[in-house]
């Protein structure tokens, strides 16, 4: 902390103003109404909790076969950084995935929390 106190206060003030500006920019981008992707946004927990299975499967397939060594670097980058995340996110946030894995992601624990209400 070699800077004088007034400079430190100035930096702190600049950071506060910048954080407020970024927050306002974020709120300006968030849509107000319902869009086609609103239903996907309500199922983000499925992608968060289940994406590891897809990543591990891809790694096993890539490393267990000659697929990883036969692809050029740009194809590996395109698959790993663009295609796989997009397909995984949309697939794991789909209604079909919710129907299959809802017992894992959103378990019904009423019997555990309120045992008197359940016979």
N, C-alpha and C. Protein backbone atom coordinates (compact mmCIF):
# COMPACT_ATOMS: atom_id res chain seq x y z
N UNK A 1 0.84 -1.18 0.00
CA UNK A 1 0.00 0.00 0.00
C UNK A 1 0.88 1.24 0.00
N UNK A 2 1.50 1.51 -1.13
CA UNK A 2 2.35 2.67 -1.24
C UNK A 2 1.59 3.91 -1.70
N UNK A 3 0.36 3.73 -2.13
CA UNK A 3 -0.41 4.87 -2.61
C UNK A 3 -0.94 5.68 -1.44
N UNK A 4 -1.12 6.97 -1.65
CA UNK A 4 -1.70 7.80 -0.58
C UNK A 4 -3.18 7.43 -0.35
N UNK A 5 -3.69 7.86 0.76
CA UNK A 5 -5.06 7.52 1.15
C UNK A 5 -6.06 8.07 0.14
N UNK A 6 -5.86 9.27 -0.36
CA UNK A 6 -6.81 9.86 -1.30
C UNK A 6 -6.85 9.04 -2.60
N UNK A 7 -5.71 8.47 -3.03
CA UNK A 7 -5.70 7.65 -4.23
C UNK A 7 -6.43 6.33 -3.99
N UNK A 8 -6.24 5.76 -2.82
CA UNK A 8 -6.94 4.53 -2.48
C UNK A 8 -8.45 4.74 -2.45
N UNK A 9 -8.88 5.87 -1.88
CA UNK A 9 -10.31 6.17 -1.87
C UNK A 9 -10.82 6.41 -3.27
N UNK A 10 -10.02 7.03 -4.12
CA UNK A 10 -10.41 7.24 -5.51
C UNK A 10 -10.56 5.94 -6.27
N UNK A 11 -9.62 5.01 -6.07
CA UNK A 11 -9.72 3.70 -6.71
C UNK A 11 -10.98 2.96 -6.25
N UNK A 12 -11.24 3.03 -4.96
CA UNK A 12 -12.43 2.36 -4.43
C UNK A 12 -13.69 2.97 -5.02
N UNK A 13 -13.73 4.27 -5.15
CA UNK A 13 -14.89 4.94 -5.73
C UNK A 13 -15.07 4.54 -7.20
N UNK A 14 -13.97 4.48 -7.94
CA UNK A 14 -14.03 4.06 -9.35
C UNK A 14 -14.55 2.63 -9.45
N UNK A 15 -14.09 1.73 -8.60
CA UNK A 15 -14.57 0.35 -8.63
C UNK A 15 -16.05 0.27 -8.28
N UNK A 16 -16.52 1.07 -7.33
CA UNK A 16 -17.94 1.08 -7.00
C UNK A 16 -18.77 1.56 -8.18
N UNK A 17 -18.34 2.62 -8.83
CA UNK A 17 -19.07 3.14 -10.00
C UNK A 17 -19.07 2.11 -11.13
N UNK A 18 -17.93 1.45 -11.34
CA UNK A 18 -17.85 0.44 -12.39
C UNK A 18 -18.75 -0.75 -12.09
N UNK A 19 -18.81 -1.16 -10.84
CA UNK A 19 -19.67 -2.30 -10.49
C UNK A 19 -21.15 -1.94 -10.66
N UNK A 20 -21.52 -0.72 -10.34
CA UNK A 20 -22.90 -0.28 -10.56
C UNK A 20 -23.21 -0.23 -12.05
N UNK A 21 -22.27 0.26 -12.85
CA UNK A 21 -22.48 0.32 -14.30
C UNK A 21 -22.63 -1.07 -14.90
N UNK A 22 -21.82 -2.01 -14.46
CA UNK A 22 -21.92 -3.38 -14.98
C UNK A 22 -23.24 -4.01 -14.54
N UNK A 23 -23.67 -3.75 -13.32
CA UNK A 23 -24.95 -4.29 -12.86
C UNK A 23 -26.11 -3.73 -13.67
N UNK A 24 -26.08 -2.44 -13.93
CA UNK A 24 -27.14 -1.83 -14.74
C UNK A 24 -27.13 -2.36 -16.17
N UNK A 25 -25.95 -2.59 -16.72
CA UNK A 25 -25.86 -3.17 -18.07
C UNK A 25 -26.44 -4.57 -18.08
N UNK A 26 -26.17 -5.36 -17.05
CA UNK A 26 -26.72 -6.71 -16.96
C UNK A 26 -28.24 -6.66 -16.89
N UNK A 27 -28.79 -5.77 -16.06
CA UNK A 27 -30.24 -5.67 -15.94
C UNK A 27 -30.88 -5.16 -17.22
N UNK A 28 -30.17 -4.39 -18.01
CA UNK A 28 -30.70 -3.92 -19.29
C UNK A 28 -30.79 -5.05 -20.31
N UNK A 29 -29.92 -6.04 -20.19
CA UNK A 29 -29.90 -7.16 -21.14
C UNK A 29 -30.91 -8.23 -20.78
N UNK A 30 -31.24 -8.37 -19.51
CA UNK A 30 -32.17 -9.41 -19.07
C UNK A 30 -33.56 -9.12 -19.64
N UNK A 31 -34.17 -10.09 -20.33
CA UNK A 31 -35.49 -9.84 -20.93
C UNK A 31 -36.58 -9.76 -19.87
N UNK A 32 -37.58 -8.95 -20.16
CA UNK A 32 -38.68 -8.76 -19.22
C UNK A 32 -39.76 -9.82 -19.45
N UNK A 33 -40.07 -10.10 -20.70
CA UNK A 33 -41.13 -11.05 -21.02
C UNK A 33 -40.63 -12.47 -21.15
N UNK A 34 -41.52 -13.34 -21.55
CA UNK A 34 -41.20 -14.75 -21.74
C UNK A 34 -40.72 -14.96 -23.17
N UNK A 35 -39.62 -15.65 -23.32
CA UNK A 35 -39.04 -15.96 -24.63
C UNK A 35 -38.99 -17.46 -24.83
N UNK A 36 -38.52 -17.91 -25.97
CA UNK A 36 -38.45 -19.34 -26.26
C UNK A 36 -37.47 -20.06 -25.34
N UNK A 37 -36.50 -19.35 -24.82
CA UNK A 37 -35.50 -19.97 -23.96
C UNK A 37 -35.84 -19.86 -22.48
N UNK A 38 -36.99 -19.31 -22.14
CA UNK A 38 -37.37 -19.18 -20.72
C UNK A 38 -37.57 -20.55 -20.07
N UNK A 39 -38.12 -21.50 -20.82
CA UNK A 39 -38.32 -22.83 -20.24
C UNK A 39 -36.98 -23.51 -20.00
N UNK A 40 -36.00 -23.25 -20.88
CA UNK A 40 -34.66 -23.80 -20.66
C UNK A 40 -34.02 -23.16 -19.43
N UNK A 41 -34.22 -21.90 -19.23
CA UNK A 41 -33.65 -21.21 -18.08
C UNK A 41 -34.21 -21.70 -16.76
N UNK A 42 -35.43 -22.22 -16.79
CA UNK A 42 -36.00 -22.74 -15.55
C UNK A 42 -35.45 -24.12 -15.19
N UNK A 43 -34.68 -24.72 -16.13
CA UNK A 43 -34.12 -26.06 -15.87
C UNK A 43 -32.59 -26.05 -15.88
N UNK A 44 -31.97 -24.97 -15.47
CA UNK A 44 -30.51 -24.90 -15.49
C UNK A 44 -29.86 -25.81 -14.46
N UNK A 45 -30.57 -26.15 -13.40
CA UNK A 45 -30.01 -27.05 -12.40
C UNK A 45 -29.72 -28.43 -12.99
N UNK A 46 -30.51 -28.85 -13.98
CA UNK A 46 -30.28 -30.13 -14.63
C UNK A 46 -28.94 -30.12 -15.36
N UNK A 47 -28.66 -29.06 -16.08
CA UNK A 47 -27.37 -28.96 -16.78
C UNK A 47 -26.23 -28.85 -15.79
N UNK A 48 -26.44 -28.14 -14.71
CA UNK A 48 -25.39 -27.96 -13.71
C UNK A 48 -25.02 -29.28 -13.03
N UNK A 49 -26.02 -30.07 -12.69
CA UNK A 49 -25.76 -31.30 -11.95
C UNK A 49 -25.40 -32.49 -12.84
N UNK A 50 -25.88 -32.52 -14.07
CA UNK A 50 -25.71 -33.70 -14.91
C UNK A 50 -24.64 -33.56 -15.98
N UNK A 51 -24.02 -32.40 -16.13
CA UNK A 51 -23.08 -32.22 -17.24
C UNK A 51 -21.81 -33.05 -17.07
N UNK A 52 -21.48 -33.41 -15.85
CA UNK A 52 -20.26 -34.18 -15.64
C UNK A 52 -20.33 -35.56 -16.29
N UNK A 53 -21.51 -36.16 -16.33
CA UNK A 53 -21.66 -37.46 -17.00
C UNK A 53 -21.34 -37.35 -18.49
N UNK A 54 -21.78 -36.27 -19.10
CA UNK A 54 -21.53 -36.09 -20.53
C UNK A 54 -20.05 -35.82 -20.79
N UNK A 55 -19.43 -35.02 -19.95
CA UNK A 55 -18.01 -34.71 -20.13
C UNK A 55 -17.16 -35.96 -19.95
N UNK A 56 -17.44 -36.75 -18.92
CA UNK A 56 -16.69 -37.98 -18.69
C UNK A 56 -16.88 -38.96 -19.84
N UNK A 57 -18.09 -39.07 -20.36
CA UNK A 57 -18.35 -39.97 -21.49
C UNK A 57 -17.57 -39.52 -22.71
N UNK A 58 -17.54 -38.23 -22.97
CA UNK A 58 -16.77 -37.71 -24.11
C UNK A 58 -15.29 -38.00 -23.94
N UNK A 59 -14.78 -37.80 -22.72
CA UNK A 59 -13.36 -38.07 -22.48
C UNK A 59 -13.03 -39.55 -22.65
N UNK A 60 -13.88 -40.42 -22.17
CA UNK A 60 -13.64 -41.85 -22.32
C UNK A 60 -13.70 -42.27 -23.79
N UNK A 61 -14.64 -41.72 -24.52
CA UNK A 61 -14.75 -42.03 -25.95
C UNK A 61 -13.55 -41.49 -26.71
N UNK A 62 -13.15 -40.28 -26.39
CA UNK A 62 -12.02 -39.66 -27.08
C UNK A 62 -10.70 -40.36 -26.76
N UNK A 63 -10.48 -40.69 -25.48
CA UNK A 63 -9.21 -41.28 -25.07
C UNK A 63 -9.16 -42.78 -25.31
N UNK A 64 -10.30 -43.45 -25.26
CA UNK A 64 -10.33 -44.89 -25.42
C UNK A 64 -10.27 -45.35 -26.86
N UNK A 65 -10.46 -44.43 -27.79
CA UNK A 65 -10.41 -44.77 -29.21
C UNK A 65 -9.32 -43.93 -29.87
N UNK A 66 -9.15 -44.13 -31.15
CA UNK A 66 -8.17 -43.32 -31.88
C UNK A 66 -8.77 -42.01 -32.36
N UNK A 67 -9.97 -41.71 -31.88
CA UNK A 67 -10.65 -40.48 -32.31
C UNK A 67 -9.85 -39.24 -31.92
N UNK A 68 -9.26 -39.25 -30.73
CA UNK A 68 -8.52 -38.08 -30.27
C UNK A 68 -7.25 -37.81 -31.06
N UNK A 69 -6.59 -38.85 -31.51
CA UNK A 69 -5.34 -38.65 -32.23
C UNK A 69 -5.55 -38.37 -33.71
N UNK A 70 -6.72 -38.72 -34.24
CA UNK A 70 -6.94 -38.52 -35.67
C UNK A 70 -7.53 -37.16 -36.00
N UNK A 71 -8.00 -36.42 -35.01
CA UNK A 71 -8.62 -35.12 -35.28
C UNK A 71 -7.56 -34.03 -35.26
N UNK A 72 -7.67 -33.07 -36.18
CA UNK A 72 -6.78 -31.90 -36.11
C UNK A 72 -7.11 -31.06 -34.87
N UNK A 73 -6.18 -30.21 -34.51
CA UNK A 73 -6.34 -29.40 -33.29
C UNK A 73 -7.54 -28.47 -33.38
N UNK A 74 -7.78 -27.88 -34.55
CA UNK A 74 -8.90 -26.94 -34.66
C UNK A 74 -10.24 -27.67 -34.53
N UNK A 75 -10.31 -28.93 -34.96
CA UNK A 75 -11.55 -29.69 -34.80
C UNK A 75 -11.75 -30.04 -33.33
N UNK A 76 -10.68 -30.43 -32.65
CA UNK A 76 -10.79 -30.70 -31.21
C UNK A 76 -11.26 -29.46 -30.46
N UNK A 77 -10.71 -28.31 -30.81
CA UNK A 77 -11.10 -27.06 -30.15
C UNK A 77 -12.56 -26.73 -30.45
N UNK A 78 -12.98 -26.89 -31.70
CA UNK A 78 -14.36 -26.59 -32.07
C UNK A 78 -15.33 -27.51 -31.34
N UNK A 79 -15.01 -28.78 -31.28
CA UNK A 79 -15.89 -29.74 -30.59
C UNK A 79 -15.89 -29.47 -29.09
N UNK A 80 -14.72 -29.31 -28.51
CA UNK A 80 -14.62 -29.17 -27.05
C UNK A 80 -15.11 -27.83 -26.53
N UNK A 81 -14.96 -26.77 -27.31
CA UNK A 81 -15.28 -25.43 -26.80
C UNK A 81 -16.59 -24.86 -27.31
N UNK A 82 -17.12 -25.41 -28.41
CA UNK A 82 -18.35 -24.84 -28.98
C UNK A 82 -19.46 -25.87 -29.08
N UNK A 83 -19.23 -26.93 -29.82
CA UNK A 83 -20.30 -27.88 -30.12
C UNK A 83 -20.73 -28.67 -28.89
N UNK A 84 -19.79 -29.26 -28.19
CA UNK A 84 -20.14 -30.08 -27.03
C UNK A 84 -20.84 -29.27 -25.93
N UNK A 85 -20.36 -28.08 -25.57
CA UNK A 85 -21.10 -27.31 -24.55
C UNK A 85 -22.50 -26.90 -24.99
N UNK A 86 -22.66 -26.52 -26.25
CA UNK A 86 -23.98 -26.10 -26.72
C UNK A 86 -24.96 -27.26 -26.73
N UNK A 87 -24.55 -28.38 -27.28
CA UNK A 87 -25.43 -29.54 -27.35
C UNK A 87 -25.72 -30.08 -25.95
N UNK A 88 -24.70 -30.12 -25.11
CA UNK A 88 -24.89 -30.61 -23.75
C UNK A 88 -25.86 -29.72 -22.97
N UNK A 89 -25.67 -28.42 -23.07
CA UNK A 89 -26.55 -27.50 -22.33
C UNK A 89 -27.99 -27.62 -22.79
N UNK A 90 -28.22 -27.58 -24.09
CA UNK A 90 -29.59 -27.66 -24.59
C UNK A 90 -30.19 -29.03 -24.31
N UNK A 91 -29.39 -30.07 -24.43
CA UNK A 91 -29.91 -31.41 -24.17
C UNK A 91 -30.26 -31.64 -22.71
N UNK A 92 -29.41 -31.19 -21.81
CA UNK A 92 -29.66 -31.40 -20.39
C UNK A 92 -30.73 -30.47 -19.83
N UNK A 93 -31.06 -29.40 -20.54
CA UNK A 93 -32.12 -28.51 -20.10
C UNK A 93 -33.42 -28.75 -20.84
N UNK A 94 -33.51 -29.85 -21.57
CA UNK A 94 -34.73 -30.14 -22.33
C UNK A 94 -35.80 -30.75 -21.42
N UNK A 95 -37.02 -30.75 -21.91
CA UNK A 95 -38.13 -31.30 -21.14
C UNK A 95 -37.99 -32.81 -20.99
N UNK A 96 -37.43 -33.47 -21.99
CA UNK A 96 -37.25 -34.91 -21.91
C UNK A 96 -36.25 -35.28 -20.80
N UNK A 97 -35.19 -34.52 -20.69
CA UNK A 97 -34.21 -34.77 -19.63
C UNK A 97 -34.84 -34.53 -18.26
N UNK A 98 -35.70 -33.54 -18.16
CA UNK A 98 -36.38 -33.30 -16.89
C UNK A 98 -37.29 -34.46 -16.54
N UNK A 99 -37.96 -35.02 -17.54
CA UNK A 99 -38.84 -36.15 -17.27
C UNK A 99 -38.07 -37.38 -16.80
N UNK A 100 -36.88 -37.57 -17.34
CA UNK A 100 -36.09 -38.76 -17.00
C UNK A 100 -35.38 -38.59 -15.66
N UNK A 101 -34.78 -37.43 -15.42
CA UNK A 101 -33.91 -37.24 -14.26
C UNK A 101 -34.51 -36.38 -13.15
N UNK A 102 -35.80 -36.12 -13.18
CA UNK A 102 -36.37 -35.26 -12.14
C UNK A 102 -36.26 -35.89 -10.76
N UNK A 103 -36.27 -37.21 -10.67
CA UNK A 103 -36.15 -37.88 -9.37
C UNK A 103 -34.77 -37.68 -8.76
N UNK A 104 -33.76 -37.39 -9.59
CA UNK A 104 -32.41 -37.17 -9.09
C UNK A 104 -32.19 -35.70 -8.73
N UNK A 105 -32.63 -34.82 -9.61
CA UNK A 105 -32.35 -33.40 -9.44
C UNK A 105 -33.33 -32.75 -8.46
N UNK A 106 -34.60 -33.12 -8.55
CA UNK A 106 -35.62 -32.54 -7.68
C UNK A 106 -36.35 -33.65 -6.93
N UNK A 107 -35.71 -34.29 -5.97
CA UNK A 107 -36.38 -35.38 -5.26
C UNK A 107 -37.50 -34.87 -4.37
N UNK A 108 -38.50 -35.68 -4.22
CA UNK A 108 -39.63 -35.34 -3.34
C UNK A 108 -39.25 -35.75 -1.92
N UNK A 109 -38.94 -34.79 -1.09
CA UNK A 109 -38.49 -35.07 0.27
C UNK A 109 -39.50 -34.67 1.33
N UNK A 110 -40.75 -34.57 0.94
CA UNK A 110 -41.78 -34.22 1.91
C UNK A 110 -41.89 -35.23 3.03
N UNK A 111 -41.72 -36.51 2.71
CA UNK A 111 -41.79 -37.56 3.72
C UNK A 111 -40.67 -37.45 4.75
N UNK A 112 -39.54 -36.86 4.33
CA UNK A 112 -38.41 -36.71 5.24
C UNK A 112 -38.54 -35.46 6.09
N UNK A 113 -39.06 -34.40 5.50
CA UNK A 113 -39.18 -33.13 6.22
C UNK A 113 -40.44 -33.07 7.09
N UNK A 114 -41.51 -33.67 6.61
CA UNK A 114 -42.79 -33.63 7.33
C UNK A 114 -43.32 -35.06 7.51
N UNK A 115 -42.73 -35.83 8.40
CA UNK A 115 -43.14 -37.23 8.52
C UNK A 115 -44.56 -37.43 9.03
N UNK A 116 -45.11 -36.45 9.72
CA UNK A 116 -46.47 -36.60 10.24
C UNK A 116 -47.52 -36.52 9.15
N UNK A 117 -47.20 -35.88 8.03
CA UNK A 117 -48.16 -35.73 6.94
C UNK A 117 -48.23 -36.96 6.04
N UNK A 118 -47.27 -37.87 6.18
CA UNK A 118 -47.21 -39.04 5.31
C UNK A 118 -47.39 -40.31 6.15
N UNK A 119 -48.27 -41.22 5.71
CA UNK A 119 -48.50 -42.44 6.50
C UNK A 119 -47.35 -43.41 6.43
